[in-house]
Protein backbone atom coordinates (compact mmCIF):
# COMPACT_ATOMS: atom_id res chain seq x y z
CA MET A 1 152.96 46.41 199.09
CA ALA A 2 156.63 46.75 201.27
CA ILE A 3 158.91 50.19 200.80
CA ARG A 4 161.18 50.08 198.65
CA ILE A 5 164.80 51.08 199.76
CA LEU A 6 168.48 51.75 197.98
CA LEU A 7 170.65 51.55 199.97
CA VAL A 8 173.71 54.32 198.75
CA ASP A 9 177.22 53.64 201.21
CA ASP A 10 181.02 53.39 200.21
CA HIS A 11 181.29 50.72 202.42
CA SER A 12 179.82 47.41 201.22
CA VAL A 13 179.62 46.17 205.38
CA VAL A 14 177.61 48.94 206.27
CA ARG A 15 175.35 47.89 203.29
CA GLN A 16 175.40 44.35 204.75
CA GLY A 17 174.47 45.09 207.36
CA LEU A 18 171.92 47.53 206.27
CA ARG A 19 170.35 44.71 204.17
CA MET A 20 170.32 42.20 206.70
CA PHE A 21 168.41 43.75 209.09
CA LEU A 22 166.35 45.65 207.54
CA SER A 23 165.35 42.30 205.82
CA LEU A 24 163.93 41.03 208.78
CA ASP A 25 160.88 43.47 208.50
CA PRO A 26 158.31 42.56 206.06
CA GLU A 27 157.38 45.69 205.11
CA LEU A 28 160.49 47.15 204.44
CA GLU A 29 162.17 45.90 200.56
CA VAL A 30 166.15 46.75 199.87
CA VAL A 31 166.01 47.20 196.19
CA GLY A 32 169.68 48.03 195.82
CA GLU A 33 172.79 49.29 196.32
CA ALA A 34 175.26 52.00 195.60
CA SER A 35 178.71 52.57 196.68
CA ASN A 36 178.56 56.48 196.14
CA GLY A 37 176.09 59.12 195.00
CA ALA A 38 176.89 58.84 190.95
CA GLU A 39 175.92 55.22 191.59
CA GLY A 40 172.97 56.08 193.91
CA ILE A 41 171.41 58.58 191.09
CA GLU A 42 171.86 55.64 188.28
CA GLN A 43 169.83 52.77 190.54
CA ALA A 44 167.53 55.62 191.22
CA ARG A 45 166.75 55.99 188.05
CA LYS A 46 166.13 52.68 187.70
CA LEU A 47 164.54 51.24 190.36
CA LYS A 48 162.24 54.30 191.23
CA PRO A 49 162.40 53.34 195.27
CA ASP A 50 160.27 54.94 198.05
CA VAL A 51 163.14 56.04 200.85
CA VAL A 52 166.75 56.58 200.09
CA LEU A 53 169.38 56.00 202.97
CA MET A 54 172.41 58.16 201.61
CA ASP A 55 176.07 58.13 203.60
CA LEU A 56 177.49 61.60 203.20
CA LEU A 57 180.95 61.33 202.29
CA MET A 58 181.45 58.85 199.51
CA PRO A 59 183.91 59.08 196.71
CA VAL A 60 182.91 59.96 192.54
CA MET A 61 180.10 62.64 194.25
CA ASP A 62 179.64 62.82 197.92
CA GLY A 63 175.55 62.87 198.88
CA ILE A 64 174.34 66.08 199.64
CA THR A 65 175.52 66.13 196.24
CA ALA A 66 173.72 63.49 194.77
CA ILE A 67 170.16 64.50 197.43
CA GLY A 68 170.41 67.79 195.50
CA GLN A 69 170.31 65.75 192.48
CA LEU A 70 167.50 62.80 192.83
CA ARG A 71 165.21 65.53 194.70
CA LYS A 72 165.06 67.78 191.44
CA GLU A 73 164.66 64.62 189.10
CA PHE A 74 162.75 63.05 191.39
CA PRO A 75 160.51 65.45 193.95
CA GLU A 76 158.02 62.09 195.68
CA MET A 77 161.19 60.04 196.60
CA GLU A 78 162.02 60.75 200.38
CA ILE A 79 165.54 61.34 201.08
CA ILE A 80 167.12 59.87 204.41
CA ALA A 81 170.84 60.87 205.39
CA LEU A 82 172.71 58.23 207.30
CA THR A 83 176.18 59.15 208.22
CA SER A 84 178.46 58.82 211.31
CA VAL A 85 179.40 62.14 211.11
CA LEU A 86 177.25 64.93 213.13
CA GLU A 87 178.76 68.29 211.79
CA ASP A 88 176.38 71.42 211.87
CA ASP A 89 177.87 71.59 207.93
CA LYS A 90 176.89 68.49 206.88
CA VAL A 91 173.40 68.96 208.73
CA ILE A 92 172.39 71.80 207.37
CA GLY A 93 174.01 70.81 203.74
CA ALA A 94 171.84 67.79 204.23
CA VAL A 95 168.81 69.18 205.10
CA ARG A 96 169.15 72.39 202.53
CA ALA A 97 169.91 70.23 199.55
CA GLY A 98 166.70 68.27 200.29
CA ALA A 99 166.54 65.14 203.27
CA ILE A 100 163.44 64.47 205.33
CA GLY A 101 165.59 62.74 207.43
CA TYR A 102 169.35 62.55 209.79
CA LEU A 103 170.53 59.82 211.16
CA LEU A 104 173.74 58.81 212.85
CA LYS A 105 175.12 55.53 211.89
CA ASP A 106 175.15 54.46 215.43
CA THR A 107 170.81 54.82 215.20
CA GLN A 108 169.48 51.76 216.96
CA ALA A 109 167.87 48.98 214.62
CA ASP A 110 164.51 49.89 215.31
CA GLU A 111 164.48 53.18 215.01
CA LEU A 112 166.53 53.02 211.92
CA ARG A 113 162.95 51.22 210.55
CA ARG A 114 160.34 53.41 212.46
CA ALA A 115 162.37 56.34 210.10
CA ILE A 116 161.79 54.68 207.10
CA LYS A 117 158.30 54.00 207.54
CA ALA A 118 158.06 57.49 208.71
CA ALA A 119 160.06 59.15 205.49
CA ALA A 120 157.81 56.73 203.64
CA ASN A 121 154.55 58.43 204.64
CA GLY A 122 155.84 62.05 204.33
CA GLN A 123 156.81 62.31 207.81
CA VAL A 124 159.45 65.32 208.92
CA GLN A 125 161.44 63.69 211.92
CA LEU A 126 163.86 66.39 213.42
CA SER A 127 165.52 65.72 217.39
CA PRO A 128 165.29 69.67 219.16
CA GLN A 129 168.43 70.22 219.04
CA ALA A 130 168.60 69.75 214.93
CA ALA A 131 165.51 71.86 214.69
CA ALA A 132 166.63 75.08 216.61
CA ARG A 133 170.91 74.84 214.21
CA LEU A 134 168.63 74.37 211.61
CA VAL A 135 165.86 77.39 211.67
CA ARG A 136 168.61 79.40 212.06
CA GLU A 137 170.43 78.24 209.02
CA ILE A 138 167.75 78.03 206.18
CA LYS A 139 165.92 80.75 205.16
CA ALA A 140 163.06 81.05 203.14
CA PRO A 141 163.02 83.40 200.90
CA ASP A 142 161.65 87.30 202.55
CA SER A 143 158.40 87.45 200.72
CA PRO A 144 156.87 84.47 199.49
CA GLU A 145 153.79 83.99 197.20
CA LYS A 146 151.13 83.81 199.93
CA LEU A 147 149.73 80.53 200.98
CA THR A 148 146.44 79.70 200.68
CA GLU A 149 144.28 78.70 203.55
CA ARG A 150 144.11 75.95 203.33
CA GLU A 151 147.90 75.03 202.15
CA THR A 152 149.04 77.10 205.53
CA ASP A 153 146.66 74.28 207.09
CA VAL A 154 148.71 71.44 205.77
CA LEU A 155 152.00 73.39 206.21
CA ARG A 156 150.74 73.53 210.03
CA LEU A 157 149.85 69.55 210.26
CA LEU A 158 153.16 68.84 208.18
CA ALA A 159 155.39 70.83 210.60
CA LEU A 160 154.18 68.67 213.39
CA GLY A 161 155.43 66.00 212.07
CA ARG A 162 152.22 64.53 210.69
CA SER A 163 151.57 61.87 207.76
CA ASN A 164 150.51 62.59 204.89
CA LYS A 165 147.28 60.38 205.95
CA GLU A 166 146.81 61.74 208.99
CA ILE A 167 146.87 65.24 207.31
CA ALA A 168 143.72 64.10 205.04
CA SER A 169 141.21 62.54 207.11
CA GLU A 170 142.43 65.77 209.63
CA LEU A 171 141.40 67.84 206.87
CA VAL A 172 138.89 66.24 205.33
CA ILE A 173 140.47 65.62 201.77
CA GLY A 174 142.15 63.54 200.03
CA GLU A 175 145.59 62.18 200.60
CA LYS A 176 146.27 63.17 196.39
CA THR A 177 145.60 66.84 197.40
CA VAL A 178 147.65 66.54 200.78
CA LYS A 179 150.57 65.57 197.89
CA THR A 180 149.66 68.77 196.10
CA HIS A 181 148.80 70.76 198.52
CA VAL A 182 152.55 69.99 199.46
CA SER A 183 154.27 70.07 196.01
CA ASN A 184 152.49 73.67 195.94
CA ILE A 185 153.75 74.98 199.22
CA LEU A 186 157.49 73.79 198.11
CA MET A 187 156.78 75.66 194.57
CA LYS A 188 156.01 78.86 196.53
CA LEU A 189 158.54 79.12 199.19
CA GLY A 190 161.23 77.75 197.25
CA LEU A 191 161.62 75.27 199.58
CA THR A 192 163.29 71.20 197.90
CA SER A 193 161.86 69.31 200.78
CA ARG A 194 158.80 68.82 203.50
CA THR A 195 161.74 68.96 206.25
CA GLN A 196 162.38 73.04 204.93
CA ALA A 197 158.84 73.30 204.65
CA ALA A 198 158.39 72.79 208.14
CA LEU A 199 161.63 74.73 209.46
CA HIS A 200 160.02 77.83 208.02
CA ALA A 201 156.71 77.27 209.82
CA VAL A 202 158.98 76.73 212.73
CA ARG A 203 160.63 80.27 212.24
CA ILE A 204 158.10 82.13 211.25
CA GLY A 205 155.85 80.71 214.25
CA LEU A 206 153.19 79.02 212.78
CA VAL A 207 154.04 76.28 215.38
CA SER A 208 156.15 76.25 218.46
CA GLN A 209 159.30 74.00 218.32
């Protein structure tokens, strides 16, 4: 089964370029496009993609607002912010809203393909610089509900960049069970994405950067 991708960018030439080189990979399928955040949400509701590539600076509705709405409606859908700006407030805003990854538009094609596949597997990918910047900014509640021992194991592996499949085999549980644990972790910590959970694990010293 190919990974279903939705492209959201206000420049049609960017969407065309992305569509062209993503279509060279048989494991990836671009199922739709949108030119702003509001349209992106409509298309996501209709097409139910696995991964959304979301530009941040767009008319009508910006990417960060759209990411926040999509995460609330579709917690299973992973979103990668794809932008031409590396500004602290944009990185922080996108991850706080629930993006699993943050890539610049000058990213190499094969790197982008790898990031999409990693996102579809629920793998958190943050450069050390972005992680260091974000750990300072994203605060989980001071007294979250206590995680169970198993949830703590899942959180640790998730923060180490493992996919659902890898976590499942390491803990000898089903992939569905991993997903349930991740949902419970996010709910207990009051977070919206695996990336935020990974940053929380770094902040509390569960894993080192």
